[in-house]
């Protein structure tokens, strides 16, 4: 696996009903910038998406926004997009997701809706198929992802998660610990021997 230099964050383009979600977005963006990691995200400037980008930019971080042309007016404003140091406009969602994958060394799921679930599940699917070994993290803000994690456990128990050793996302309950977990997991993956342990829950 490549050294961790950029992190893709999947999250909602809406703020959600809890102020904790927006705060988590700001904290994660700032944490990435302070660690010298580039944020790769869906280009939205509203909701949690906007909070992550704002947190990174305010801390002097580098941000790559990747957004389909048809979503620009729905999820962003032209003025806010001008703050990004890299903006990539794609023709469709498929191209966007592929480019986000290619430009990222790790993936984090913050709270979000159906689109967020679809994106992180696809990344886990590619891991199960052996397409990558990049760290995957569920940022479990206020237990948001608990129902999803329960479903994944149920799938495993019922024998539907094949080559499960390839699909071991980290579950991080404290947003401040996400970046450290990613860097630690990257070191474990690159290590020539096993046995390195972290304090982060792994599925």
N, C-alpha and C. Protein backbone atom coordinates (compact mmCIF):
# COMPACT_ATOMS: atom_id res chain seq x y z
N UNK A 1 0.83 -1.19 0.00
CA UNK A 1 0.00 0.00 0.00
C UNK A 1 0.87 1.24 0.00
N UNK A 2 0.41 2.30 -0.67
CA UNK A 2 1.13 3.56 -0.70
C UNK A 2 1.09 4.23 0.66
N UNK A 3 2.08 5.08 0.98
CA UNK A 3 2.01 5.86 2.22
C UNK A 3 0.73 6.70 2.22
N UNK A 4 0.20 6.98 3.41
CA UNK A 4 -1.02 7.76 3.52
C UNK A 4 -0.70 9.23 3.31
N UNK A 5 -1.14 9.75 2.18
CA UNK A 5 -0.95 11.17 1.88
C UNK A 5 -2.28 11.90 1.67
N UNK A 6 -3.32 11.14 1.33
CA UNK A 6 -4.62 11.76 1.07
C UNK A 6 -5.71 10.85 1.62
N UNK A 7 -6.78 11.47 2.10
CA UNK A 7 -7.89 10.72 2.71
C UNK A 7 -9.20 11.17 2.09
N UNK A 8 -9.97 10.22 1.62
CA UNK A 8 -11.29 10.49 1.07
C UNK A 8 -12.32 10.45 2.19
N UNK A 9 -13.15 11.47 2.27
CA UNK A 9 -14.20 11.52 3.27
C UNK A 9 -15.56 11.50 2.58
N UNK A 10 -16.36 10.49 2.92
CA UNK A 10 -17.73 10.39 2.45
C UNK A 10 -18.64 10.91 3.55
N UNK A 11 -19.60 11.76 3.21
CA UNK A 11 -20.49 12.30 4.23
C UNK A 11 -21.68 12.98 3.57
N UNK A 12 -22.61 13.42 4.40
CA UNK A 12 -23.83 14.01 3.90
C UNK A 12 -23.65 15.43 3.38
N UNK A 13 -24.42 15.76 2.36
CA UNK A 13 -24.44 17.14 1.87
C UNK A 13 -25.46 17.96 2.65
N UNK A 14 -26.13 17.32 3.60
CA UNK A 14 -27.04 17.99 4.53
C UNK A 14 -26.40 18.00 5.91
N UNK A 15 -26.85 18.88 6.80
CA UNK A 15 -26.23 18.96 8.13
C UNK A 15 -26.71 17.89 9.11
N UNK A 16 -27.83 17.23 8.79
CA UNK A 16 -28.39 16.29 9.75
C UNK A 16 -29.10 17.03 10.87
N UNK A 17 -29.61 16.28 11.84
CA UNK A 17 -30.42 16.88 12.91
C UNK A 17 -29.62 17.19 14.17
N UNK A 18 -28.38 16.72 14.23
CA UNK A 18 -27.56 16.96 15.41
C UNK A 18 -26.40 17.88 15.06
N UNK A 19 -26.16 18.87 15.90
CA UNK A 19 -25.02 19.77 15.67
C UNK A 19 -23.69 19.04 15.79
N UNK A 20 -23.73 17.85 16.39
CA UNK A 20 -22.50 17.06 16.54
C UNK A 20 -21.94 16.65 15.18
N UNK A 21 -22.79 16.48 14.19
CA UNK A 21 -22.33 16.03 12.88
C UNK A 21 -21.50 17.12 12.18
N UNK A 22 -22.00 18.34 12.21
CA UNK A 22 -21.25 19.44 11.60
C UNK A 22 -19.94 19.66 12.35
N UNK A 23 -20.00 19.61 13.67
CA UNK A 23 -18.78 19.78 14.47
C UNK A 23 -17.76 18.71 14.13
N UNK A 24 -18.23 17.47 13.97
CA UNK A 24 -17.32 16.36 13.62
C UNK A 24 -16.67 16.61 12.28
N UNK A 25 -17.43 17.15 11.33
CA UNK A 25 -16.87 17.47 10.03
C UNK A 25 -15.75 18.48 10.14
N UNK A 26 -15.98 19.55 10.90
CA UNK A 26 -14.94 20.57 11.10
C UNK A 26 -13.69 19.96 11.74
N UNK A 27 -13.90 19.16 12.78
CA UNK A 27 -12.77 18.57 13.50
C UNK A 27 -11.96 17.64 12.60
N UNK A 28 -12.65 16.81 11.82
CA UNK A 28 -11.94 15.89 10.94
C UNK A 28 -11.15 16.64 9.88
N UNK A 29 -11.78 17.66 9.27
CA UNK A 29 -11.07 18.45 8.26
C UNK A 29 -9.82 19.09 8.84
N UNK A 30 -9.97 19.68 10.02
CA UNK A 30 -8.82 20.31 10.67
C UNK A 30 -7.73 19.28 11.00
N UNK A 31 -8.14 18.13 11.49
CA UNK A 31 -7.18 17.08 11.85
C UNK A 31 -6.38 16.61 10.65
N UNK A 32 -7.05 16.47 9.51
CA UNK A 32 -6.37 16.05 8.29
C UNK A 32 -5.33 17.09 7.89
N UNK A 33 -5.72 18.37 7.94
CA UNK A 33 -4.80 19.44 7.56
C UNK A 33 -3.60 19.48 8.49
N UNK A 34 -3.84 19.35 9.77
CA UNK A 34 -2.75 19.42 10.74
C UNK A 34 -1.78 18.25 10.60
N UNK A 35 -2.28 17.14 10.07
CA UNK A 35 -1.41 15.98 9.84
C UNK A 35 -0.74 16.03 8.47
N UNK A 36 -1.01 17.07 7.70
CA UNK A 36 -0.41 17.20 6.37
C UNK A 36 -1.04 16.29 5.34
N UNK A 37 -2.28 15.88 5.57
CA UNK A 37 -2.97 14.98 4.65
C UNK A 37 -3.96 15.77 3.79
N UNK A 38 -3.99 15.46 2.52
CA UNK A 38 -4.94 16.11 1.61
C UNK A 38 -6.32 15.51 1.79
N UNK A 39 -7.33 16.38 1.84
CA UNK A 39 -8.71 15.93 1.87
C UNK A 39 -9.22 15.75 0.44
N UNK A 40 -9.77 14.58 0.17
CA UNK A 40 -10.47 14.31 -1.09
C UNK A 40 -11.92 14.09 -0.72
N UNK A 41 -12.82 14.84 -1.35
CA UNK A 41 -14.23 14.70 -0.98
C UNK A 41 -15.11 15.06 -2.17
N UNK A 42 -16.42 14.97 -1.97
CA UNK A 42 -17.35 15.10 -3.08
C UNK A 42 -17.62 16.49 -3.60
N UNK A 43 -16.90 17.50 -3.11
CA UNK A 43 -16.98 18.83 -3.68
C UNK A 43 -18.10 19.70 -3.18
N UNK A 44 -19.02 19.15 -2.38
CA UNK A 44 -20.12 19.95 -1.88
C UNK A 44 -19.65 21.00 -0.88
N UNK A 45 -20.35 22.11 -0.84
CA UNK A 45 -19.98 23.18 0.10
C UNK A 45 -21.06 23.40 1.15
N UNK A 46 -22.02 22.49 1.21
CA UNK A 46 -23.11 22.58 2.18
C UNK A 46 -23.06 21.38 3.11
N UNK A 47 -23.79 21.47 4.22
CA UNK A 47 -23.91 20.35 5.14
C UNK A 47 -22.59 19.89 5.71
N UNK A 48 -22.50 18.59 5.99
CA UNK A 48 -21.28 18.04 6.58
C UNK A 48 -20.13 18.13 5.58
N UNK A 49 -20.43 17.95 4.30
CA UNK A 49 -19.41 18.10 3.25
C UNK A 49 -18.72 19.46 3.38
N UNK A 50 -19.52 20.50 3.46
CA UNK A 50 -18.97 21.83 3.57
C UNK A 50 -18.16 22.02 4.83
N UNK A 51 -18.61 21.39 5.92
CA UNK A 51 -17.90 21.52 7.20
C UNK A 51 -16.52 20.88 7.14
N UNK A 52 -16.42 19.72 6.52
CA UNK A 52 -15.12 19.04 6.41
C UNK A 52 -14.15 19.90 5.60
N UNK A 53 -14.62 20.39 4.46
CA UNK A 53 -13.76 21.22 3.62
C UNK A 53 -13.36 22.50 4.33
N UNK A 54 -14.31 23.13 5.01
CA UNK A 54 -14.03 24.37 5.72
C UNK A 54 -13.02 24.15 6.83
N UNK A 55 -13.17 23.05 7.56
CA UNK A 55 -12.23 22.74 8.63
C UNK A 55 -10.81 22.57 8.11
N UNK A 56 -10.68 21.88 6.96
CA UNK A 56 -9.36 21.66 6.37
C UNK A 56 -8.77 22.97 5.85
N UNK A 57 -9.57 23.75 5.15
CA UNK A 57 -9.07 25.00 4.56
C UNK A 57 -8.68 26.01 5.61
N UNK A 58 -9.46 26.12 6.67
CA UNK A 58 -9.14 27.08 7.74
C UNK A 58 -7.84 26.72 8.44
N UNK A 59 -7.49 25.43 8.41
CA UNK A 59 -6.24 24.99 9.03
C UNK A 59 -5.08 24.95 8.04
N UNK A 60 -5.31 25.49 6.84
CA UNK A 60 -4.24 25.55 5.85
C UNK A 60 -4.03 24.27 5.07
N UNK A 61 -5.03 23.40 5.07
CA UNK A 61 -4.89 22.13 4.38
C UNK A 61 -5.18 22.20 2.89
N UNK A 62 -4.83 21.14 2.20
CA UNK A 62 -5.10 21.00 0.77
C UNK A 62 -6.39 20.20 0.59
N UNK A 63 -7.21 20.67 -0.33
CA UNK A 63 -8.52 20.04 -0.53
C UNK A 63 -8.80 19.81 -2.01
N UNK A 64 -9.13 18.57 -2.35
CA UNK A 64 -9.56 18.22 -3.70
C UNK A 64 -11.06 17.93 -3.67
N UNK A 65 -11.82 18.75 -4.39
CA UNK A 65 -13.26 18.52 -4.51
C UNK A 65 -13.58 17.91 -5.86
N UNK A 66 -14.32 16.82 -5.85
CA UNK A 66 -14.67 16.12 -7.09
C UNK A 66 -16.19 16.04 -7.16
N UNK A 67 -16.77 16.73 -8.12
CA UNK A 67 -18.22 16.84 -8.15
C UNK A 67 -18.75 16.71 -9.57
N UNK A 68 -19.84 15.97 -9.76
CA UNK A 68 -20.45 15.89 -11.10
C UNK A 68 -21.05 17.25 -11.47
N UNK A 69 -21.04 17.55 -12.73
CA UNK A 69 -21.54 18.83 -13.20
C UNK A 69 -22.99 19.08 -12.76
N UNK A 70 -23.82 18.03 -12.80
CA UNK A 70 -25.24 18.23 -12.52
C UNK A 70 -25.52 18.50 -11.04
N UNK A 71 -24.52 18.29 -10.16
CA UNK A 71 -24.74 18.53 -8.73
C UNK A 71 -24.21 19.87 -8.24
N UNK A 72 -23.52 20.59 -9.10
CA UNK A 72 -22.88 21.83 -8.65
C UNK A 72 -23.88 22.79 -8.03
N UNK A 73 -24.99 23.00 -8.68
CA UNK A 73 -25.97 23.96 -8.16
C UNK A 73 -26.78 23.42 -6.98
N UNK A 74 -26.76 22.10 -6.80
CA UNK A 74 -27.53 21.49 -5.71
C UNK A 74 -26.71 21.40 -4.42
N UNK A 75 -25.44 21.07 -4.54
CA UNK A 75 -24.63 20.78 -3.36
C UNK A 75 -23.53 21.80 -3.10
N UNK A 76 -23.42 22.82 -3.95
CA UNK A 76 -22.30 23.76 -3.79
C UNK A 76 -22.71 25.15 -4.28
N UNK A 77 -21.84 26.10 -3.97
CA UNK A 77 -21.96 27.44 -4.52
C UNK A 77 -20.65 27.76 -5.23
N UNK A 78 -20.75 28.51 -6.31
CA UNK A 78 -19.58 28.80 -7.10
C UNK A 78 -18.52 29.53 -6.30
N UNK A 79 -18.95 30.44 -5.45
CA UNK A 79 -18.01 31.20 -4.64
C UNK A 79 -17.24 30.30 -3.68
N UNK A 80 -17.96 29.38 -3.02
CA UNK A 80 -17.31 28.47 -2.07
C UNK A 80 -16.37 27.50 -2.78
N UNK A 81 -16.75 27.05 -3.96
CA UNK A 81 -15.89 26.13 -4.71
C UNK A 81 -14.56 26.80 -5.08
N UNK A 82 -14.58 28.11 -5.21
CA UNK A 82 -13.37 28.83 -5.55
C UNK A 82 -12.31 28.79 -4.46
N UNK A 83 -12.70 28.39 -3.25
CA UNK A 83 -11.73 28.29 -2.14
C UNK A 83 -10.87 27.04 -2.25
N UNK A 84 -11.35 26.03 -2.95
CA UNK A 84 -10.62 24.76 -3.04
C UNK A 84 -9.37 24.95 -3.88
N UNK A 85 -8.29 24.26 -3.50
CA UNK A 85 -7.07 24.39 -4.31
C UNK A 85 -7.10 23.45 -5.51
N UNK A 86 -8.06 22.49 -5.49
CA UNK A 86 -8.25 21.63 -6.66
C UNK A 86 -9.73 21.30 -6.79
N UNK A 87 -10.29 21.60 -7.93
CA UNK A 87 -11.69 21.28 -8.22
C UNK A 87 -11.74 20.49 -9.51
N UNK A 88 -12.36 19.31 -9.44
CA UNK A 88 -12.51 18.46 -10.61
C UNK A 88 -14.00 18.25 -10.86
N UNK A 89 -14.46 18.64 -12.03
CA UNK A 89 -15.87 18.47 -12.39
C UNK A 89 -15.98 17.28 -13.35
N UNK A 90 -16.77 16.29 -12.95
CA UNK A 90 -16.91 15.09 -13.75
C UNK A 90 -18.25 15.10 -14.51
N UNK A 91 -18.37 14.18 -15.45
CA UNK A 91 -19.59 14.10 -16.24
C UNK A 91 -20.69 13.31 -15.54
N UNK A 92 -20.30 12.42 -14.62
CA UNK A 92 -21.30 11.58 -13.97
C UNK A 92 -20.79 11.07 -12.63
N UNK A 93 -21.65 10.37 -11.89
CA UNK A 93 -21.31 9.84 -10.56
C UNK A 93 -20.25 8.75 -10.64
N UNK A 94 -20.35 7.90 -11.65
CA UNK A 94 -19.39 6.82 -11.79
C UNK A 94 -17.96 7.36 -11.92
N UNK A 95 -17.80 8.35 -12.76
CA UNK A 95 -16.48 8.95 -12.95
C UNK A 95 -16.00 9.61 -11.66
N UNK A 96 -16.92 10.26 -10.95
CA UNK A 96 -16.57 10.90 -9.69
C UNK A 96 -16.04 9.88 -8.70
N UNK A 97 -16.76 8.77 -8.50
CA UNK A 97 -16.37 7.77 -7.52
C UNK A 97 -15.04 7.14 -7.87
N UNK A 98 -14.82 6.85 -9.15
CA UNK A 98 -13.56 6.25 -9.58
C UNK A 98 -12.40 7.20 -9.31
N UNK A 99 -12.59 8.46 -9.60
CA UNK A 99 -11.52 9.43 -9.39
C UNK A 99 -11.22 9.63 -7.91
N UNK A 100 -12.27 9.62 -7.08
CA UNK A 100 -12.07 9.74 -5.63
C UNK A 100 -11.26 8.55 -5.12
N UNK A 101 -11.55 7.38 -5.63
CA UNK A 101 -10.80 6.19 -5.23
C UNK A 101 -9.33 6.30 -5.64
N UNK A 102 -9.10 6.69 -6.87
CA UNK A 102 -7.74 6.75 -7.38
C UNK A 102 -6.88 7.78 -6.65
N UNK A 103 -7.48 8.86 -6.21
CA UNK A 103 -6.73 9.95 -5.60
C UNK A 103 -6.56 9.78 -4.09
N UNK A 104 -7.10 8.71 -3.51
CA UNK A 104 -7.13 8.56 -2.05
C UNK A 104 -6.36 7.34 -1.57
N UNK A 105 -5.75 7.49 -0.40
CA UNK A 105 -5.00 6.40 0.22
C UNK A 105 -5.76 5.77 1.39
N UNK A 106 -6.88 6.36 1.77
CA UNK A 106 -7.71 5.84 2.86
C UNK A 106 -9.10 6.46 2.72
N UNK A 107 -10.07 5.86 3.43
CA UNK A 107 -11.46 6.30 3.29
C UNK A 107 -12.13 6.40 4.66
N UNK A 108 -12.90 7.47 4.84
CA UNK A 108 -13.62 7.69 6.10
C UNK A 108 -15.09 7.95 5.78
N UNK A 109 -15.98 7.30 6.51
CA UNK A 109 -17.41 7.57 6.39
C UNK A 109 -17.88 8.33 7.62
N UNK A 110 -18.24 9.59 7.43
CA UNK A 110 -18.93 10.38 8.44
C UNK A 110 -20.42 10.14 8.27
N UNK A 111 -21.25 10.64 9.18
CA UNK A 111 -22.69 10.49 8.99
C UNK A 111 -23.16 11.02 7.64
N UNK A 112 -24.13 10.36 7.07
CA UNK A 112 -24.67 10.75 5.77
C UNK A 112 -25.86 9.88 5.44
N UNK A 113 -26.34 10.02 4.22
CA UNK A 113 -27.53 9.29 3.80
C UNK A 113 -27.23 8.13 2.87
N UNK A 114 -28.14 7.86 1.97
CA UNK A 114 -28.04 6.71 1.08
C UNK A 114 -26.78 6.78 0.23
N UNK A 115 -26.45 7.98 -0.28
CA UNK A 115 -25.26 8.12 -1.10
C UNK A 115 -24.00 7.79 -0.35
N UNK A 116 -23.92 8.21 0.90
CA UNK A 116 -22.75 7.92 1.73
C UNK A 116 -22.62 6.42 1.96
N UNK A 117 -23.74 5.77 2.26
CA UNK A 117 -23.74 4.32 2.46
C UNK A 117 -23.29 3.61 1.19
N UNK A 118 -23.82 4.05 0.06
CA UNK A 118 -23.47 3.41 -1.22
C UNK A 118 -21.98 3.53 -1.49
N UNK A 119 -21.40 4.68 -1.18
CA UNK A 119 -19.98 4.90 -1.47
C UNK A 119 -19.08 4.04 -0.59
N UNK A 120 -19.35 4.01 0.71
CA UNK A 120 -18.47 3.25 1.61
C UNK A 120 -18.65 1.75 1.40
N UNK A 121 -19.87 1.32 1.06
CA UNK A 121 -20.10 -0.11 0.78
C UNK A 121 -19.35 -0.53 -0.48
N UNK A 122 -19.34 0.33 -1.49
CA UNK A 122 -18.60 0.00 -2.70
C UNK A 122 -17.11 -0.15 -2.40
N UNK A 123 -16.57 0.72 -1.56
CA UNK A 123 -15.16 0.62 -1.19
C UNK A 123 -14.88 -0.68 -0.45
N UNK A 124 -15.80 -1.09 0.43
CA UNK A 124 -15.64 -2.37 1.12
C UNK A 124 -15.75 -3.54 0.15
N UNK A 125 -16.64 -3.42 -0.83
CA UNK A 125 -16.79 -4.46 -1.84
C UNK A 125 -15.50 -4.64 -2.62
N UNK A 126 -14.89 -3.53 -3.01
CA UNK A 126 -13.62 -3.61 -3.75
C UNK A 126 -12.52 -4.23 -2.89
N UNK A 127 -12.55 -3.95 -1.59
CA UNK A 127 -11.58 -4.57 -0.69
C UNK A 127 -11.80 -6.07 -0.62
N UNK A 128 -13.07 -6.49 -0.53
CA UNK A 128 -13.39 -7.91 -0.48
C UNK A 128 -12.93 -8.64 -1.73
N UNK A 129 -12.97 -7.94 -2.86
CA UNK A 129 -12.54 -8.53 -4.13
C UNK A 129 -11.03 -8.45 -4.33
N UNK A 130 -10.32 -7.89 -3.34
CA UNK A 130 -8.87 -7.80 -3.43
C UNK A 130 -8.37 -6.67 -4.30
N UNK A 131 -9.25 -5.69 -4.58
CA UNK A 131 -8.87 -4.59 -5.46
C UNK A 131 -7.99 -3.56 -4.76
N UNK A 132 -8.06 -3.51 -3.43
CA UNK A 132 -7.20 -2.57 -2.70
C UNK A 132 -7.06 -3.01 -1.25
N UNK A 133 -6.08 -2.42 -0.56
CA UNK A 133 -5.87 -2.68 0.86
C UNK A 133 -5.82 -1.36 1.63
N UNK A 134 -6.47 -0.36 1.13
CA UNK A 134 -6.46 0.96 1.76
C UNK A 134 -7.35 0.95 3.02
N UNK A 135 -6.91 1.64 4.08
CA UNK A 135 -7.72 1.68 5.31
C UNK A 135 -9.11 2.26 5.07
N UNK A 136 -10.08 1.67 5.77
CA UNK A 136 -11.47 2.12 5.71
C UNK A 136 -11.93 2.38 7.14
N UNK A 137 -12.51 3.54 7.38
CA UNK A 137 -12.90 3.93 8.73
C UNK A 137 -14.36 4.37 8.77
N UNK A 138 -15.09 3.85 9.76
CA UNK A 138 -16.40 4.39 10.09
C UNK A 138 -16.20 5.35 11.26
N UNK A 139 -16.38 6.64 11.02
CA UNK A 139 -16.33 7.63 12.10
C UNK A 139 -17.69 7.59 12.78
N UNK A 140 -17.76 6.87 13.87
CA UNK A 140 -19.04 6.52 14.50
C UNK A 140 -19.50 7.62 15.45
N UNK A 141 -19.80 8.79 14.88
CA UNK A 141 -20.17 9.96 15.66
C UNK A 141 -21.48 9.70 16.41
N UNK A 142 -21.41 9.73 17.73
CA UNK A 142 -22.59 9.55 18.56
C UNK A 142 -23.35 8.27 18.21
N UNK A 143 -22.60 7.24 17.82
CA UNK A 143 -23.22 5.94 17.50
C UNK A 143 -23.97 5.91 16.19
N UNK A 144 -23.74 6.88 15.32
CA UNK A 144 -24.52 6.97 14.08
C UNK A 144 -24.48 5.68 13.27
N UNK A 145 -23.31 5.05 13.18
CA UNK A 145 -23.16 3.89 12.31
C UNK A 145 -23.50 2.56 12.99
N UNK A 146 -23.96 2.59 14.24
CA UNK A 146 -24.25 1.33 14.94
C UNK A 146 -25.20 0.41 14.18
N UNK A 147 -26.31 0.91 13.62
CA UNK A 147 -27.20 0.00 12.87
C UNK A 147 -26.50 -0.64 11.66
N UNK A 148 -25.66 0.14 10.99
CA UNK A 148 -24.93 -0.39 9.84
C UNK A 148 -23.94 -1.47 10.28
N UNK A 149 -23.27 -1.24 11.39
CA UNK A 149 -22.29 -2.20 11.89
C UNK A 149 -22.97 -3.48 12.34
N UNK A 150 -24.15 -3.34 12.92
CA UNK A 150 -24.93 -4.52 13.31
C UNK A 150 -25.31 -5.34 12.08
N UNK A 151 -25.70 -4.66 11.01
CA UNK A 151 -26.04 -5.36 9.78
C UNK A 151 -24.83 -6.09 9.21
N UNK A 152 -23.67 -5.45 9.22
CA UNK A 152 -22.46 -6.11 8.72
C UNK A 152 -22.12 -7.35 9.54
N UNK A 153 -22.27 -7.24 10.86
CA UNK A 153 -22.04 -8.40 11.73
C UNK A 153 -23.01 -9.53 11.39
N UNK A 154 -24.27 -9.16 11.14
CA UNK A 154 -25.28 -10.15 10.78
C UNK A 154 -24.93 -10.84 9.46
N UNK A 155 -24.47 -10.06 8.49
CA UNK A 155 -24.06 -10.64 7.21
C UNK A 155 -22.92 -11.63 7.40
N UNK A 156 -21.96 -11.25 8.23
CA UNK A 156 -20.84 -12.17 8.51
C UNK A 156 -21.34 -13.45 9.15
N UNK A 157 -22.17 -13.30 10.17
CA UNK A 157 -22.67 -14.46 10.90
C UNK A 157 -23.46 -15.41 10.02
N UNK A 158 -24.14 -14.85 9.02
CA UNK A 158 -24.95 -15.67 8.12
C UNK A 158 -24.16 -16.16 6.90
N UNK A 159 -22.87 -15.87 6.86
CA UNK A 159 -22.00 -16.42 5.81
C UNK A 159 -22.04 -15.70 4.48
N UNK A 160 -22.40 -14.42 4.50
CA UNK A 160 -22.50 -13.68 3.25
C UNK A 160 -21.36 -12.70 3.00
N UNK A 161 -20.42 -12.62 3.92
CA UNK A 161 -19.25 -11.76 3.70
C UNK A 161 -18.07 -12.68 3.39
N UNK A 162 -17.82 -12.85 2.11
CA UNK A 162 -16.77 -13.76 1.67
C UNK A 162 -15.41 -13.08 1.79
N UNK A 163 -14.38 -13.88 1.99
CA UNK A 163 -13.02 -13.36 2.22
C UNK A 163 -13.07 -12.19 3.20
N UNK A 164 -13.75 -12.44 4.33
CA UNK A 164 -13.97 -11.41 5.32
C UNK A 164 -12.70 -10.80 5.89
N UNK A 165 -11.58 -11.53 5.81
CA UNK A 165 -10.33 -10.98 6.33
C UNK A 165 -9.87 -9.78 5.52
N UNK A 166 -10.43 -9.63 4.31
CA UNK A 166 -10.07 -8.48 3.48
C UNK A 166 -10.97 -7.28 3.75
N UNK A 167 -12.04 -7.50 4.51
CA UNK A 167 -12.98 -6.42 4.79
C UNK A 167 -13.02 -6.21 6.30
N UNK A 168 -12.11 -5.39 6.81
CA UNK A 168 -12.03 -5.14 8.24
C UNK A 168 -11.96 -3.64 8.51
N UNK A 169 -13.06 -2.94 8.29
CA UNK A 169 -13.05 -1.50 8.53
C UNK A 169 -12.84 -1.19 10.00
N UNK A 170 -12.18 -0.08 10.25
CA UNK A 170 -12.00 0.39 11.61
C UNK A 170 -13.24 1.15 12.05
N UNK A 171 -13.58 1.03 13.31
CA UNK A 171 -14.70 1.78 13.88
C UNK A 171 -14.12 2.70 14.95
N UNK A 172 -14.18 4.00 14.69
CA UNK A 172 -13.59 4.98 15.59
C UNK A 172 -14.70 5.84 16.17
N UNK A 173 -14.85 5.79 17.47
CA UNK A 173 -15.95 6.50 18.11
C UNK A 173 -15.64 7.95 18.45
N UNK A 174 -14.37 8.29 18.54
CA UNK A 174 -13.97 9.66 18.84
C UNK A 174 -13.39 10.30 17.58
N UNK A 175 -14.02 11.37 17.12
CA UNK A 175 -13.60 11.96 15.85
C UNK A 175 -12.15 12.44 15.90
N UNK A 176 -11.70 12.84 17.07
CA UNK A 176 -10.32 13.31 17.20
C UNK A 176 -9.30 12.20 16.97
N UNK A 177 -9.74 10.94 17.05
CA UNK A 177 -8.83 9.80 16.92
C UNK A 177 -8.79 9.22 15.51
N UNK A 178 -9.58 9.75 14.59
CA UNK A 178 -9.69 9.16 13.26
C UNK A 178 -8.37 9.20 12.50
N UNK A 179 -7.72 10.34 12.46
CA UNK A 179 -6.48 10.46 11.68
C UNK A 179 -5.40 9.55 12.23
N UNK A 180 -5.26 9.51 13.54
CA UNK A 180 -4.26 8.62 14.14
C UNK A 180 -4.54 7.17 13.81
N UNK A 181 -5.84 6.81 13.78
CA UNK A 181 -6.22 5.43 13.44
C UNK A 181 -5.84 5.10 12.01
N UNK A 182 -6.07 6.04 11.11
CA UNK A 182 -5.71 5.82 9.70
C UNK A 182 -4.22 5.62 9.55
N UNK A 183 -3.43 6.48 10.16
CA UNK A 183 -1.98 6.39 10.04
C UNK A 183 -1.45 5.11 10.67
N UNK A 184 -2.04 4.72 11.81
CA UNK A 184 -1.62 3.48 12.45
C UNK A 184 -1.97 2.27 11.59
N UNK A 185 -3.15 2.28 10.99
CA UNK A 185 -3.58 1.16 10.14
C UNK A 185 -2.71 1.08 8.89
N UNK A 186 -2.34 2.23 8.34
CA UNK A 186 -1.44 2.22 7.19
C UNK A 186 -0.11 1.60 7.53
N UNK A 187 0.39 1.88 8.74
CA UNK A 187 1.66 1.29 9.17
C UNK A 187 1.53 -0.21 9.36
N UNK A 188 0.38 -0.66 9.87
CA UNK A 188 0.15 -2.10 10.07
C UNK A 188 0.13 -2.82 8.73
N UNK A 189 -0.58 -2.24 7.75
CA UNK A 189 -0.70 -2.87 6.44
C UNK A 189 0.67 -2.98 5.78
N UNK A 190 1.50 -1.95 5.96
CA UNK A 190 2.82 -1.95 5.33
C UNK A 190 3.85 -2.77 6.09
N UNK A 191 3.54 -3.13 7.36
CA UNK A 191 4.53 -3.83 8.18
C UNK A 191 4.81 -5.21 7.62
N UNK A 192 6.07 -5.68 7.66
CA UNK A 192 6.41 -6.99 7.14
C UNK A 192 5.90 -8.13 7.99
N UNK A 193 5.60 -7.86 9.27
CA UNK A 193 5.08 -8.90 10.14
C UNK A 193 3.81 -8.40 10.79
N UNK A 194 3.01 -9.34 11.29
CA UNK A 194 1.78 -8.97 11.97
C UNK A 194 2.03 -8.84 13.46
N UNK A 195 0.98 -8.55 14.19
CA UNK A 195 1.12 -8.45 15.63
C UNK A 195 1.05 -7.03 16.14
N UNK A 196 1.08 -6.06 15.24
CA UNK A 196 0.94 -4.68 15.67
C UNK A 196 -0.50 -4.45 16.05
N UNK A 197 -0.73 -3.87 17.21
CA UNK A 197 -2.09 -3.68 17.69
C UNK A 197 -2.39 -2.21 17.85
N UNK A 198 -3.65 -1.84 17.70
CA UNK A 198 -4.10 -0.48 17.97
C UNK A 198 -5.21 -0.53 18.99
N UNK A 199 -5.58 0.62 19.48
CA UNK A 199 -6.65 0.70 20.46
C UNK A 199 -7.99 0.98 19.81
N UNK A 200 -8.03 0.86 18.49
CA UNK A 200 -9.25 1.15 17.74
C UNK A 200 -10.00 -0.15 17.49
N UNK A 201 -11.31 -0.10 17.62
CA UNK A 201 -12.12 -1.28 17.35
C UNK A 201 -12.05 -1.65 15.88
N UNK A 202 -11.83 -2.90 15.59
CA UNK A 202 -11.85 -3.38 14.21
C UNK A 202 -12.92 -4.44 14.09
N UNK A 203 -13.67 -4.35 13.01
CA UNK A 203 -14.75 -5.33 12.82
C UNK A 203 -14.17 -6.69 12.47
